[in-house]
Amino acid sequence: MSSFRNYLAQTIRAAALVATLAPTLAAAAETVEVVPGVQVTKRTYSAPTNEQPFFGFAVKSPEDKAADEKFVDAIVAATGSRETAFEETSKRAWLAIQGGRVREAAIRFNQAFLISPEQSTVYHGFAVIAQARFNDFDAADELFRVALKQPNPVKALKADYGRLLLIAKRPRDAQAVLDQAVKESPDFSDAWTNLAWARFQNGDAVAACTAAEEAAKRRPSNNSVSDLTAVRSLAQCK
């Protein structure tokens, strides 16, 4: 009992310290407008700038800016339009993610950011990079929330966001997002698999099995087959 009281006292002291520091931490958080109307928290990591979201917010020289413009002009000319250039670049980024080439994916998403910085896919991709490469769940959460508001989101967006929330041990938040994901994209198996996990972690094994059954009907992706098998086993689905 005394050890529990010691633990409780330490917890209270820690909470008081956080409360004391909170205004300082909030004041220290710098936001940057990355595109008109979109503010994100400035975060930098130990990696080359072109492998960090938004190029690590590095201040670019006139020569750097000229090189960026030259790149965009060249890829737009090669593909025929800015829209096609963005689609091709972001497609290569997602293929790199699927292949486990996270550094390459970050470079590609930065290129996509140069081409069309307002697109949802940019923030979605950077969210994945923040979590997968830098283990920064706060950044990933923020960027996913920005991605939800930007134009042309891909159907995997809410499924991926829900998965992040599951990994971050926030199953109730995850279930709310994933309920929307399966409503908006009922044919997307991965969303159903992630929803099955959320329901199971929230104590509803029967509903988890229902979601798992829906996932199984819809050709699970190679990345989610093992997840689907695991949740069906844990929930003791028939």
Protein backbone atom coordinates (compact mmCIF):
# COMPACT_ATOMS: atom_id res chain seq x y z
CA MET A 1 0.00 0.00 0.00
CA SER A 2 2.84 2.36 0.83
CA SER A 3 4.38 1.76 -2.59
CA PHE A 4 1.06 2.65 -4.20
CA ARG A 5 0.88 5.88 -2.17
CA ASN A 6 4.42 6.72 -3.24
CA TYR A 7 3.48 6.09 -6.84
CA LEU A 8 0.35 8.22 -6.48
CA ALA A 9 2.35 11.05 -4.90
CA GLN A 10 4.88 10.92 -7.73
CA THR A 11 2.06 11.00 -10.27
CA ILE A 12 0.49 14.05 -8.63
CA ARG A 13 3.85 15.84 -8.52
CA ALA A 14 4.45 15.01 -12.18
CA ALA A 15 1.01 16.31 -13.12
CA ALA A 16 1.64 19.52 -11.20
CA LEU A 17 4.97 19.96 -12.98
CA VAL A 18 3.33 19.46 -16.37
CA ALA A 19 0.65 22.00 -15.46
CA THR A 20 3.36 24.47 -14.46
CA LEU A 21 5.34 23.93 -17.64
CA ALA A 22 2.36 23.78 -20.00
CA PRO A 23 2.22 27.53 -20.76
CA THR A 24 5.97 27.52 -21.45
CA LEU A 25 5.73 24.50 -23.72
CA ALA A 26 2.75 25.99 -25.57
CA ALA A 27 4.57 29.27 -26.03
CA ALA A 28 7.63 27.44 -27.37
CA ALA A 29 5.64 25.62 -30.06
CA GLU A 30 6.11 27.57 -33.28
CA THR A 31 3.61 27.23 -36.09
CA VAL A 32 4.36 27.83 -39.75
CA GLU A 33 1.97 28.59 -42.60
CA VAL A 34 2.95 25.98 -45.19
CA VAL A 35 0.24 26.97 -47.65
CA PRO A 36 -2.26 29.85 -47.38
CA GLY A 37 -4.68 29.00 -44.59
CA VAL A 38 -2.79 25.94 -43.32
CA GLN A 39 -0.67 26.19 -40.19
CA VAL A 40 1.41 23.32 -38.82
CA THR A 41 3.74 23.02 -35.86
CA LYS A 42 7.38 23.45 -36.80
CA ARG A 43 9.27 20.25 -36.04
CA THR A 44 12.75 19.20 -37.13
CA TYR A 45 14.51 15.86 -36.90
CA SER A 46 17.98 14.39 -37.17
CA ALA A 47 17.92 13.62 -40.89
CA PRO A 48 18.74 15.33 -44.20
CA THR A 49 16.28 18.15 -44.83
CA ASN A 50 14.78 16.52 -47.92
CA GLU A 51 13.94 13.45 -45.81
CA GLN A 52 12.00 15.49 -43.24
CA PRO A 53 8.41 16.74 -43.67
CA PHE A 54 8.36 20.17 -45.30
CA PHE A 55 12.13 19.95 -45.87
CA GLY A 56 12.62 20.33 -42.15
CA PHE A 57 11.33 23.91 -42.42
CA ALA A 58 14.81 24.92 -43.57
CA VAL A 59 15.23 28.49 -44.78
CA LYS A 60 15.90 28.25 -48.51
CA SER A 61 18.35 30.42 -50.37
CA PRO A 62 17.44 32.09 -53.68
CA GLU A 63 19.40 29.32 -55.39
CA ASP A 64 17.40 26.64 -53.56
CA LYS A 65 14.12 28.29 -54.54
CA ALA A 66 15.24 28.54 -58.16
CA ALA A 67 16.14 24.84 -58.14
CA ASP A 68 12.69 24.00 -56.74
CA GLU A 69 10.98 26.00 -59.47
CA LYS A 70 13.15 24.35 -62.10
CA PHE A 71 12.21 20.90 -60.77
CA VAL A 72 8.49 21.70 -60.80
CA ASP A 73 8.63 23.20 -64.31
CA ALA A 74 10.51 20.16 -65.61
CA ILE A 75 8.19 17.53 -64.15
CA VAL A 76 5.06 19.41 -65.22
CA ALA A 77 6.46 19.66 -68.75
CA ALA A 78 7.35 15.96 -68.75
CA THR A 79 3.94 14.77 -67.50
CA GLY A 80 1.78 17.32 -69.29
CA SER A 81 0.10 19.00 -66.32
CA ARG A 82 0.61 19.91 -62.68
CA GLU A 83 -2.16 17.51 -61.69
CA THR A 84 -0.50 14.57 -63.48
CA ALA A 85 2.90 15.54 -62.08
CA PHE A 86 1.45 15.44 -58.57
CA GLU A 87 -0.27 12.11 -59.17
CA GLU A 88 2.89 10.48 -60.51
CA THR A 89 5.08 11.82 -57.71
CA SER A 90 2.70 10.88 -54.91
CA LYS A 91 2.17 7.43 -56.46
CA ARG A 92 5.92 6.81 -56.30
CA ALA A 93 5.91 7.98 -52.69
CA TRP A 94 3.20 5.49 -51.72
CA LEU A 95 4.97 2.68 -53.56
CA ALA A 96 8.10 3.50 -51.57
CA ILE A 97 6.09 3.34 -48.33
CA GLN A 98 4.67 -0.04 -49.30
CA GLY A 99 8.17 -1.27 -50.09
CA GLY A 100 9.54 -0.09 -46.76
CA ARG A 101 11.67 2.62 -48.39
CA VAL A 102 10.69 5.37 -45.97
CA ARG A 103 13.56 7.72 -46.81
CA GLU A 104 12.71 7.63 -50.51
CA ALA A 105 9.04 8.17 -49.67
CA ALA A 106 9.90 11.30 -47.66
CA ILE A 107 11.84 12.72 -50.61
CA ARG A 108 8.93 12.02 -52.95
CA PHE A 109 6.36 13.59 -50.62
CA ASN A 110 8.53 16.70 -50.40
CA GLN A 111 8.55 16.82 -54.19
CA ALA A 112 4.77 16.46 -54.17
CA PHE A 113 4.63 19.33 -51.67
CA LEU A 114 6.54 21.53 -54.13
CA ILE A 115 4.09 20.67 -56.91
CA SER A 116 0.74 21.01 -55.08
CA PRO A 117 1.18 21.91 -51.41
CA GLU A 118 -2.54 22.15 -50.72
CA GLN A 119 -3.34 18.50 -51.46
CA SER A 120 -4.45 16.13 -48.68
CA THR A 121 -1.99 13.46 -49.80
CA VAL A 122 0.96 15.68 -48.84
CA TYR A 123 -0.13 15.86 -45.20
CA HIS A 124 -1.23 12.23 -45.15
CA GLY A 125 2.18 11.18 -46.43
CA PHE A 126 4.07 13.40 -44.02
CA ALA A 127 1.98 11.98 -41.15
CA VAL A 128 3.08 8.48 -42.11
CA ILE A 129 6.71 9.64 -42.31
CA ALA A 130 6.51 11.37 -38.92
CA GLN A 131 5.31 8.18 -37.27
CA ALA A 132 7.20 5.53 -39.24
CA ARG A 133 10.58 7.29 -39.53
CA PHE A 134 10.69 9.57 -36.49
CA ASN A 135 8.23 7.90 -34.07
CA ASP A 136 6.55 11.29 -33.55
CA PHE A 137 2.91 10.53 -32.80
CA ASP A 138 2.00 14.12 -31.97
CA ALA A 139 3.22 15.31 -35.37
CA ALA A 140 1.49 12.44 -37.14
CA ASP A 141 -1.79 13.15 -35.33
CA GLU A 142 -1.63 16.83 -36.24
CA LEU A 143 -0.82 16.13 -39.88
CA PHE A 144 -3.57 13.53 -40.23
CA ARG A 145 -6.05 16.10 -38.91
CA VAL A 146 -4.82 18.61 -41.48
CA ALA A 147 -5.07 15.98 -44.22
CA LEU A 148 -8.73 15.41 -43.35
CA LYS A 149 -9.47 19.05 -44.22
CA GLN A 150 -7.49 19.29 -47.45
CA PRO A 151 -8.74 18.53 -50.98
CA ASN A 152 -8.71 15.13 -52.67
CA PRO A 153 -8.04 12.75 -49.76
CA VAL A 154 -7.39 9.12 -50.68
CA LYS A 155 -9.80 6.50 -49.37
CA ALA A 156 -7.11 5.06 -47.05
CA LEU A 157 -6.81 8.32 -45.09
CA LYS A 158 -9.19 7.58 -42.22
CA ALA A 159 -8.15 3.92 -42.09
CA ASP A 160 -4.53 5.00 -41.71
CA TYR A 161 -5.41 7.66 -39.14
CA GLY A 162 -7.40 5.14 -37.16
CA ARG A 163 -4.46 2.75 -37.22
CA LEU A 164 -2.17 5.48 -35.89
CA LEU A 165 -4.59 6.10 -33.02
CA LEU A 166 -4.60 2.38 -32.26
CA ILE A 167 -0.80 2.30 -32.16
CA ALA A 168 -0.89 5.37 -29.91
CA LYS A 169 -3.17 3.41 -27.53
CA ARG A 170 -6.22 5.58 -28.18
CA PRO A 171 -8.74 2.90 -29.23
CA ARG A 172 -11.87 4.96 -28.49
CA ASP A 173 -10.67 7.81 -30.68
CA ALA A 174 -9.64 5.24 -33.27
CA GLN A 175 -13.06 3.62 -33.35
CA ALA A 176 -14.79 6.96 -33.97
CA VAL A 177 -12.52 7.63 -36.95
CA LEU A 178 -12.79 4.09 -38.30
CA ASP A 179 -16.59 4.06 -38.03
CA GLN A 180 -16.51 6.97 -40.47
CA ALA A 181 -13.91 5.24 -42.63
CA VAL A 182 -16.08 2.19 -43.31
CA LYS A 183 -19.15 4.35 -43.93
CA GLU A 184 -17.32 6.42 -46.53
CA SER A 185 -15.36 3.52 -48.10
CA PRO A 186 -17.29 0.33 -47.29
CA ASP A 187 -15.31 -1.63 -49.88
CA PHE A 188 -11.94 -0.91 -48.23
CA SER A 189 -10.90 -4.03 -46.35
CA ASP A 190 -8.09 -2.43 -44.32
CA ALA A 191 -10.53 0.02 -42.72
CA TRP A 192 -12.68 -2.90 -41.55
CA THR A 193 -9.61 -4.71 -40.18
CA ASN A 194 -8.56 -1.65 -38.21
CA LEU A 195 -12.12 -1.20 -36.97
CA ALA A 196 -12.10 -4.82 -35.79
CA TRP A 197 -9.01 -4.06 -33.71
CA ALA A 198 -10.56 -0.90 -32.28
CA ARG A 199 -13.74 -2.70 -31.29
CA PHE A 200 -11.76 -5.55 -29.72
CA GLN A 201 -9.56 -3.16 -27.74
CA ASN A 202 -12.71 -1.38 -26.57
CA GLY A 203 -14.05 -4.63 -25.16
CA ASP A 204 -16.55 -5.64 -27.85
CA ALA A 205 -15.33 -8.94 -29.27
CA VAL A 206 -18.63 -9.71 -31.01
CA ALA A 207 -18.60 -6.44 -32.94
CA ALA A 208 -14.90 -6.98 -33.66
CA CYS A 209 -15.75 -10.29 -35.31
CA THR A 210 -18.46 -8.62 -37.38
CA ALA A 211 -15.94 -6.09 -38.68
CA ALA A 212 -13.37 -8.83 -39.29
CA GLU A 213 -15.93 -10.77 -41.33
CA GLU A 214 -16.56 -7.66 -43.46
CA ALA A 215 -12.81 -7.26 -43.95
CA ALA A 216 -12.43 -10.86 -45.07
CA LYS A 217 -15.10 -10.38 -47.77
CA ARG A 218 -13.19 -7.52 -49.35
CA ARG A 219 -9.75 -8.80 -50.37
CA PRO A 220 -7.49 -7.74 -47.52
CA SER A 221 -4.23 -6.13 -48.62
CA ASN A 222 -0.97 -8.00 -48.12
CA ASN A 223 -0.13 -5.60 -45.28
CA SER A 224 -3.31 -6.35 -43.33
CA VAL A 225 -3.72 -10.12 -43.75
CA SER A 226 -1.69 -10.91 -40.62
CA ASP A 227 -3.54 -8.21 -38.66
CA LEU A 228 -6.87 -9.68 -39.69
CA THR A 229 -5.80 -13.20 -38.74
CA ALA A 230 -4.55 -11.99 -35.36
CA VAL A 231 -7.68 -10.08 -34.38
CA ARG A 232 -9.93 -12.96 -35.42
CA SER A 233 -7.87 -15.29 -33.24
CA LEU A 234 -7.85 -12.98 -30.20
CA ALA A 235 -11.56 -12.20 -30.48
CA GLN A 236 -12.25 -15.94 -30.91
CA CYS A 237 -14.26 -15.40 -34.05
CA LYS A 238 -15.96 -18.42 -35.56
